[in-house]
All heavy atoms as atom14 arrays in JSON, in Angstrom:
{
  "sequence": "INAARLKLAKPEALVMHPGPMNRGLEIACDVAYGD",
  "atom14_mask": [
    [1, 1, 1, 1, 1, 1, 1, 1, 0, 0, 0, 0, 0, 0],
    [1, 1, 1, 1, 1, 1, 1, 1, 0, 0, 0, 0, 0, 0],
    [1, 1, 1, 1, 1, 0, 0, 0, 0, 0, 0, 0, 0, 0],
    [1, 1, 1, 1, 1, 0, 0, 0, 0, 0, 0, 0, 0, 0],
    [1, 1, 1, 1, 1, 1, 1, 1, 1, 1, 1, 0, 0, 0],
    [1, 1, 1, 1, 1, 1, 1, 1, 0, 0, 0, 0, 0, 0],
    [1, 1, 1, 1, 1, 1, 1, 1, 1, 0, 0, 0, 0, 0],
    [1, 1, 1, 1, 1, 1, 1, 1, 0, 0, 0, 0, 0, 0],
    [1, 1, 1, 1, 1, 0, 0, 0, 0, 0, 0, 0, 0, 0],
    [1, 1, 1, 1, 1, 1, 1, 1, 1, 0, 0, 0, 0, 0],
    [1, 1, 1, 1, 1, 1, 1, 0, 0, 0, 0, 0, 0, 0],
    [1, 1, 1, 1, 1, 1, 1, 1, 1, 0, 0, 0, 0, 0],
    [1, 1, 1, 1, 1, 0, 0, 0, 0, 0, 0, 0, 0, 0],
    [1, 1, 1, 1, 1, 1, 1, 1, 0, 0, 0, 0, 0, 0],
    [1, 1, 1, 1, 1, 1, 1, 0, 0, 0, 0, 0, 0, 0],
    [1, 1, 1, 1, 1, 1, 1, 1, 0, 0, 0, 0, 0, 0],
    [1, 1, 1, 1, 1, 1, 1, 1, 1, 1, 0, 0, 0, 0],
    [1, 1, 1, 1, 1, 1, 1, 0, 0, 0, 0, 0, 0, 0],
    [1, 1, 1, 1, 0, 0, 0, 0, 0, 0, 0, 0, 0, 0],
    [1, 1, 1, 1, 1, 1, 1, 0, 0, 0, 0, 0, 0, 0],
    [1, 1, 1, 1, 1, 1, 1, 1, 0, 0, 0, 0, 0, 0],
    [1, 1, 1, 1, 1, 1, 1, 1, 0, 0, 0, 0, 0, 0],
    [1, 1, 1, 1, 1, 1, 1, 1, 1, 1, 1, 0, 0, 0],
    [1, 1, 1, 1, 0, 0, 0, 0, 0, 0, 0, 0, 0, 0],
    [1, 1, 1, 1, 1, 1, 1, 1, 0, 0, 0, 0, 0, 0],
    [1, 1, 1, 1, 1, 1, 1, 1, 1, 0, 0, 0, 0, 0],
    [1, 1, 1, 1, 1, 1, 1, 1, 0, 0, 0, 0, 0, 0],
    [1, 1, 1, 1, 1, 0, 0, 0, 0, 0, 0, 0, 0, 0],
    [1, 1, 1, 1, 1, 1, 0, 0, 0, 0, 0, 0, 0, 0],
    [1, 1, 1, 1, 1, 1, 1, 1, 0, 0, 0, 0, 0, 0],
    [1, 1, 1, 1, 1, 1, 1, 0, 0, 0, 0, 0, 0, 0],
    [1, 1, 1, 1, 1, 0, 0, 0, 0, 0, 0, 0, 0, 0],
    [1, 1, 1, 1, 1, 1, 1, 1, 1, 1, 1, 1, 0, 0],
    [1, 1, 1, 1, 0, 0, 0, 0, 0, 0, 0, 0, 0, 0],
    [1, 1, 1, 1, 1, 1, 1, 1, 0, 0, 0, 0, 0, 0]
  ],
  "atom14_positions": [
    [[0.84, -1.2, 0.0], [0.0, 0.01, 0.0], [0.88, 1.25, 0.0], [1.55, 1.56, 0.99], [-0.94, 0.0, 1.22], [-1.78, -1.27, 1.23], [-1.84, 1.24, 1.19], [-2.6, -1.51, -0.03], [0.0, 0.0, 0.0], [0.0, 0.0, 0.0], [0.0, 0.0, 0.0], [0.0, 0.0, 0.0], [0.0, 0.0, 0.0], [0.0, 0.0, 0.0]],
    [[0.86, 1.91, -1.14], [1.6, 3.17, -1.3], [0.61, 4.3, -1.54], [-0.61, 4.1, -1.55], [2.61, 3.04, -2.45], [1.94, 2.52, -3.73], [0.8, 2.85, -4.03], [2.66, 1.68, -4.48], [0.0, 0.0, 0.0], [0.0, 0.0, 0.0], [0.0, 0.0, 0.0], [0.0, 0.0, 0.0], [0.0, 0.0, 0.0], [0.0, 0.0, 0.0]],
    [[1.15, 5.5, -1.74], [0.27, 6.68, -1.89], [-0.66, 6.55, -3.09], [-1.83, 6.95, -3.04], [1.12, 7.94, -2.0], [0.0, 0.0, 0.0], [0.0, 0.0, 0.0], [0.0, 0.0, 0.0], [0.0, 0.0, 0.0], [0.0, 0.0, 0.0], [0.0, 0.0, 0.0], [0.0, 0.0, 0.0], [0.0, 0.0, 0.0], [0.0, 0.0, 0.0]],
    [[-0.16, 5.99, -4.18], [-0.97, 5.86, -5.39], [-2.14, 4.91, -5.14], [-3.27, 5.17, -5.55], [-0.09, 5.36, -6.55], [0.0, 0.0, 0.0], [0.0, 0.0, 0.0], [0.0, 0.0, 0.0], [0.0, 0.0, 0.0], [0.0, 0.0, 0.0], [0.0, 0.0, 0.0], [0.0, 0.0, 0.0], [0.0, 0.0, 0.0], [0.0, 0.0, 0.0]],
    [[-1.87, 3.79, -4.5], [-2.95, 2.82, -4.23], [-3.93, 3.36, -3.2], [-5.13, 3.1, -3.28], [-2.37, 1.49, -3.75], [-1.72, 0.68, -4.87], [-1.65, -0.81, -4.52], [-1.24, -1.56, -5.69], [-0.01, -2.05, -5.89], [0.93, -1.85, -4.96], [0.3, -2.72, -6.98], [0.0, 0.0, 0.0], [0.0, 0.0, 0.0], [0.0, 0.0, 0.0]],
    [[-3.44, 4.12, -2.26], [-4.31, 4.67, -1.23], [-5.38, 5.59, -1.86], [-6.5, 5.67, -1.35], [-3.51, 5.44, -0.2], [-4.27, 6.03, 0.98], [-5.03, 4.95, 1.74], [-3.3, 6.76, 1.92], [0.0, 0.0, 0.0], [0.0, 0.0, 0.0], [0.0, 0.0, 0.0], [0.0, 0.0, 0.0], [0.0, 0.0, 0.0], [0.0, 0.0, 0.0]],
    [[-5.04, 6.24, -2.94], [-5.99, 7.14, -3.63], [-7.19, 6.39, -4.21], [-8.19, 7.0, -4.54], [-5.28, 7.91, -4.73], [-4.28, 8.95, -4.2], [-3.59, 9.67, -5.34], [-2.62, 10.71, -4.81], [-1.88, 11.42, -5.9], [0.0, 0.0, 0.0], [0.0, 0.0, 0.0], [0.0, 0.0, 0.0], [0.0, 0.0, 0.0], [0.0, 0.0, 0.0]],
    [[-7.07, 5.06, -4.36], [-8.21, 4.27, -4.86], [-9.31, 4.18, -3.81], [-10.48, 3.96, -4.15], [-7.74, 2.88, -5.26], [-6.73, 2.79, -6.41], [-6.21, 1.37, -6.55], [-7.35, 3.27, -7.71], [0.0, 0.0, 0.0], [0.0, 0.0, 0.0], [0.0, 0.0, 0.0], [0.0, 0.0, 0.0], [0.0, 0.0, 0.0], [0.0, 0.0, 0.0]],
    [[-8.93, 4.28, -2.55], [-9.91, 4.27, -1.46], [-10.56, 5.65, -1.35], [-10.21, 6.58, -2.08], [-9.22, 3.89, -0.16], [0.0, 0.0, 0.0], [0.0, 0.0, 0.0], [0.0, 0.0, 0.0], [0.0, 0.0, 0.0], [0.0, 0.0, 0.0], [0.0, 0.0, 0.0], [0.0, 0.0, 0.0], [0.0, 0.0, 0.0], [0.0, 0.0, 0.0]],
    [[-11.5, 5.77, -0.45], [-12.13, 7.08, -0.23], [-11.1, 8.09, 0.28], [-10.14, 7.68, 0.97], [-13.3, 6.94, 0.74], [-14.49, 6.19, 0.15], [-15.64, 6.15, 1.14], [-16.85, 5.43, 0.54], [-17.98, 5.32, 1.51], [0.0, 0.0, 0.0], [0.0, 0.0, 0.0], [0.0, 0.0, 0.0], [0.0, 0.0, 0.0], [0.0, 0.0, 0.0]],
    [[-11.28, 9.37, 0.0], [-10.29, 10.37, 0.41], [-10.02, 10.37, 1.92], [-8.93, 10.67, 2.36], [-10.94, 11.69, -0.03], [-11.85, 11.33, -1.16], [-12.39, 9.95, -0.8], [0.0, 0.0, 0.0], [0.0, 0.0, 0.0], [0.0, 0.0, 0.0], [0.0, 0.0, 0.0], [0.0, 0.0, 0.0], [0.0, 0.0, 0.0], [0.0, 0.0, 0.0]],
    [[-11.03, 10.06, 2.7], [-10.89, 10.07, 4.16], [-10.67, 8.66, 4.73], [-10.86, 8.43, 5.93], [-12.11, 10.7, 4.81], [-13.42, 9.91, 4.69], [-14.12, 10.05, 3.34], [-13.55, 10.67, 2.42], [-15.24, 9.51, 3.21], [0.0, 0.0, 0.0], [0.0, 0.0, 0.0], [0.0, 0.0, 0.0], [0.0, 0.0, 0.0], [0.0, 0.0, 0.0]],
    [[-10.27, 7.72, 3.89], [-10.09, 6.33, 4.34], [-9.06, 6.25, 5.47], [-8.04, 6.95, 5.47], [-9.64, 5.46, 3.17], [0.0, 0.0, 0.0], [0.0, 0.0, 0.0], [0.0, 0.0, 0.0], [0.0, 0.0, 0.0], [0.0, 0.0, 0.0], [0.0, 0.0, 0.0], [0.0, 0.0, 0.0], [0.0, 0.0, 0.0], [0.0, 0.0, 0.0]],
    [[-9.35, 5.41, 6.44], [-8.49, 5.23, 7.6], [-7.49, 4.11, 7.32], [-7.84, 3.06, 6.82], [-9.36, 4.87, 8.8], [-8.74, 4.93, 10.2], [-8.35, 6.35, 10.54], [-9.73, 4.35, 11.22], [0.0, 0.0, 0.0], [0.0, 0.0, 0.0], [0.0, 0.0, 0.0], [0.0, 0.0, 0.0], [0.0, 0.0, 0.0], [0.0, 0.0, 0.0]],
    [[-6.22, 4.36, 7.66], [-5.15, 3.38, 7.46], [-4.76, 2.8, 8.81], [-4.41, 3.53, 9.75], [-3.92, 4.01, 6.78], [-2.77, 3.0, 6.72], [-4.28, 4.5, 5.39], [0.0, 0.0, 0.0], [0.0, 0.0, 0.0], [0.0, 0.0, 0.0], [0.0, 0.0, 0.0], [0.0, 0.0, 0.0], [0.0, 0.0, 0.0], [0.0, 0.0, 0.0]],
    [[-4.79, 1.47, 8.91], [-4.46, 0.79, 10.15], [-3.45, -0.33, 9.88], [-3.34, -0.83, 8.79], [-5.74, 0.23, 10.81], [-6.8, 1.28, 11.1], [-8.38, 0.59, 11.58], [-7.95, -0.17, 13.15], [0.0, 0.0, 0.0], [0.0, 0.0, 0.0], [0.0, 0.0, 0.0], [0.0, 0.0, 0.0], [0.0, 0.0, 0.0], [0.0, 0.0, 0.0]],
    [[-2.74, -0.71, 10.95], [-1.77, -1.8, 10.87], [-1.55, -2.31, 12.28], [-1.3, -1.54, 13.19], [-0.44, -1.29, 10.27], [0.53, -2.37, 9.89], [1.01, -3.31, 10.77], [1.11, -2.66, 8.68], [1.85, -4.12, 10.14], [1.91, -3.76, 8.88], [0.0, 0.0, 0.0], [0.0, 0.0, 0.0], [0.0, 0.0, 0.0], [0.0, 0.0, 0.0]],
    [[-1.64, -3.63, 12.51], [-1.5, -4.16, 13.87], [-0.07, -4.13, 14.4], [0.15, -4.29, 15.6], [-2.02, -5.6, 13.74], [-1.75, -5.95, 12.31], [-1.99, -4.7, 11.54], [0.0, 0.0, 0.0], [0.0, 0.0, 0.0], [0.0, 0.0, 0.0], [0.0, 0.0, 0.0], [0.0, 0.0, 0.0], [0.0, 0.0, 0.0], [0.0, 0.0, 0.0]],
    [[0.92, -3.92, 13.51], [2.3, -3.88, 13.93], [2.85, -5.26, 14.29], [2.05, -6.18, 14.61], [0.0, 0.0, 0.0], [0.0, 0.0, 0.0], [0.0, 0.0, 0.0], [0.0, 0.0, 0.0], [0.0, 0.0, 0.0], [0.0, 0.0, 0.0], [0.0, 0.0, 0.0], [0.0, 0.0, 0.0], [0.0, 0.0, 0.0], [0.0, 0.0, 0.0]],
    [[4.14, -5.42, 14.25], [5.11, -4.45, 13.77], [5.08, -4.32, 12.24], [4.66, -5.26, 11.55], [6.45, -5.03, 14.24], [6.2, -6.51, 14.28], [4.78, -6.68, 14.72], [0.0, 0.0, 0.0], [0.0, 0.0, 0.0], [0.0, 0.0, 0.0], [0.0, 0.0, 0.0], [0.0, 0.0, 0.0], [0.0, 0.0, 0.0], [0.0, 0.0, 0.0]],
    [[5.45, -3.14, 11.74], [5.39, -2.89, 10.3], [6.68, -3.27, 9.6], [7.78, -3.08, 10.13], [5.14, -1.4, 10.05], [3.78, -0.89, 10.47], [3.57, 0.85, 10.0], [4.67, 1.67, 11.15], [0.0, 0.0, 0.0], [0.0, 0.0, 0.0], [0.0, 0.0, 0.0], [0.0, 0.0, 0.0], [0.0, 0.0, 0.0], [0.0, 0.0, 0.0]],
    [[6.55, -3.75, 8.37], [7.67, -3.87, 7.45], [7.55, -2.72, 6.48], [6.9, -2.83, 5.43], [7.64, -5.2, 6.7], [7.89, -6.4, 7.59], [8.88, -6.46, 8.27], [6.96, -7.34, 7.6], [0.0, 0.0, 0.0], [0.0, 0.0, 0.0], [0.0, 0.0, 0.0], [0.0, 0.0, 0.0], [0.0, 0.0, 0.0], [0.0, 0.0, 0.0]],
    [[8.12, -1.58, 6.82], [7.98, -0.41, 5.98], [8.69, -0.65, 4.65], [9.8, -1.19, 4.6], [8.59, 0.82, 6.66], [7.8, 1.28, 7.87], [8.49, 2.41, 8.58], [9.82, 2.01, 9.07], [10.71, 2.88, 9.57], [10.45, 4.16, 9.63], [11.89, 2.44, 9.98], [0.0, 0.0, 0.0], [0.0, 0.0, 0.0], [0.0, 0.0, 0.0]],
    [[7.99, -0.26, 3.57], [8.54, -0.49, 2.24], [8.16, -1.83, 1.67], [8.44, -2.12, 0.5], [0.0, 0.0, 0.0], [0.0, 0.0, 0.0], [0.0, 0.0, 0.0], [0.0, 0.0, 0.0], [0.0, 0.0, 0.0], [0.0, 0.0, 0.0], [0.0, 0.0, 0.0], [0.0, 0.0, 0.0], [0.0, 0.0, 0.0], [0.0, 0.0, 0.0]],
    [[7.54, -2.68, 2.47], [7.08, -3.99, 1.99], [5.56, -3.97, 1.88], [5.03, -3.73, 0.81], [7.55, -5.1, 2.92], [7.12, -6.53, 2.55], [7.52, -6.88, 1.11], [7.71, -7.54, 3.53], [0.0, 0.0, 0.0], [0.0, 0.0, 0.0], [0.0, 0.0, 0.0], [0.0, 0.0, 0.0], [0.0, 0.0, 0.0], [0.0, 0.0, 0.0]],
    [[4.85, -4.17, 2.99], [3.39, -4.13, 2.89], [2.82, -2.71, 2.98], [1.68, -2.46, 2.62], [2.74, -5.01, 3.97], [2.86, -4.47, 5.39], [3.99, -5.07, 6.18], [4.81, -5.8, 5.57], [4.05, -4.82, 7.38], [0.0, 0.0, 0.0], [0.0, 0.0, 0.0], [0.0, 0.0, 0.0], [0.0, 0.0, 0.0], [0.0, 0.0, 0.0]],
    [[3.64, -1.77, 3.49], [3.17, -0.39, 3.63], [4.31, 0.58, 3.39], [5.43, 0.39, 3.89], [2.55, -0.18, 5.03], [1.91, 1.2, 5.15], [3.56, -0.43, 6.14], [1.05, 1.38, 6.4], [0.0, 0.0, 0.0], [0.0, 0.0, 0.0], [0.0, 0.0, 0.0], [0.0, 0.0, 0.0], [0.0, 0.0, 0.0], [0.0, 0.0, 0.0]],
    [[4.04, 1.61, 2.6], [5.06, 2.64, 2.31], [5.17, 3.59, 3.5], [4.21, 3.81, 4.24], [4.67, 3.39, 1.05], [0.0, 0.0, 0.0], [0.0, 0.0, 0.0], [0.0, 0.0, 0.0], [0.0, 0.0, 0.0], [0.0, 0.0, 0.0], [0.0, 0.0, 0.0], [0.0, 0.0, 0.0], [0.0, 0.0, 0.0], [0.0, 0.0, 0.0]],
    [[6.33, 4.2, 3.64], [6.57, 5.11, 4.78], [5.6, 6.28, 4.78], [5.08, 6.66, 5.84], [8.02, 5.62, 4.73], [9.26, 4.36, 5.11], [0.0, 0.0, 0.0], [0.0, 0.0, 0.0], [0.0, 0.0, 0.0], [0.0, 0.0, 0.0], [0.0, 0.0, 0.0], [0.0, 0.0, 0.0], [0.0, 0.0, 0.0], [0.0, 0.0, 0.0]],
    [[5.34, 6.85, 3.59], [4.48, 8.02, 3.56], [3.03, 7.67, 3.91], [2.27, 8.54, 4.38], [4.56, 8.74, 2.2], [4.29, 7.81, 1.03], [4.17, 6.59, 1.23], [4.2, 8.31, -0.11], [0.0, 0.0, 0.0], [0.0, 0.0, 0.0], [0.0, 0.0, 0.0], [0.0, 0.0, 0.0], [0.0, 0.0, 0.0], [0.0, 0.0, 0.0]],
    [[2.65, 6.43, 3.7], [1.31, 5.98, 4.11], [1.28, 5.7, 5.61], [0.35, 6.08, 6.31], [0.88, 4.71, 3.31], [-0.44, 4.17, 3.84], [0.78, 5.04, 1.84], [0.0, 0.0, 0.0], [0.0, 0.0, 0.0], [0.0, 0.0, 0.0], [0.0, 0.0, 0.0], [0.0, 0.0, 0.0], [0.0, 0.0, 0.0], [0.0, 0.0, 0.0]],
    [[2.31, 5.05, 6.11], [2.37, 4.68, 7.54], [2.34, 5.92, 8.43], [1.76, 5.89, 9.52], [3.62, 3.86, 7.81], [0.0, 0.0, 0.0], [0.0, 0.0, 0.0], [0.0, 0.0, 0.0], [0.0, 0.0, 0.0], [0.0, 0.0, 0.0], [0.0, 0.0, 0.0], [0.0, 0.0, 0.0], [0.0, 0.0, 0.0], [0.0, 0.0, 0.0]],
    [[2.95, 7.01, 7.97], [3.07, 8.21, 8.78], [2.24, 9.38, 8.22], [2.4, 10.51, 8.64], [4.53, 8.63, 8.94], [5.38, 7.53, 9.5], [6.41, 6.95, 8.75], [5.18, 7.05, 10.8], [7.19, 5.93, 9.27], [5.95, 6.03, 11.32], [6.95, 5.48, 10.54], [7.72, 4.46, 11.07], [0.0, 0.0, 0.0], [0.0, 0.0, 0.0]],
    [[1.35, 9.06, 7.3], [0.54, 10.09, 6.68], [-0.64, 10.53, 7.54], [-0.91, 9.98, 8.61], [0.0, 0.0, 0.0], [0.0, 0.0, 0.0], [0.0, 0.0, 0.0], [0.0, 0.0, 0.0], [0.0, 0.0, 0.0], [0.0, 0.0, 0.0], [0.0, 0.0, 0.0], [0.0, 0.0, 0.0], [0.0, 0.0, 0.0], [0.0, 0.0, 0.0]],
    [[-1.36, 11.52, 7.04], [-2.49, 12.08, 7.8], [-3.62, 11.09, 8.0], [-4.41, 11.24, 8.94], [-3.03, 13.32, 7.06], [-2.04, 14.48, 7.04], [-1.14, 14.49, 7.91], [-2.15, 15.34, 6.16], [0.0, 0.0, 0.0], [0.0, 0.0, 0.0], [0.0, 0.0, 0.0], [0.0, 0.0, 0.0], [0.0, 0.0, 0.0], [0.0, 0.0, 0.0]]
  ]
}
């Protein structure tokens, strides 16, 4: 899930992850720490 794919969801879609994260694998850094 990167910024481009996140745009496919609703603009106010909530991003969650149970942790621990593999940043750059299942989730991009800008998504993990985004608004």
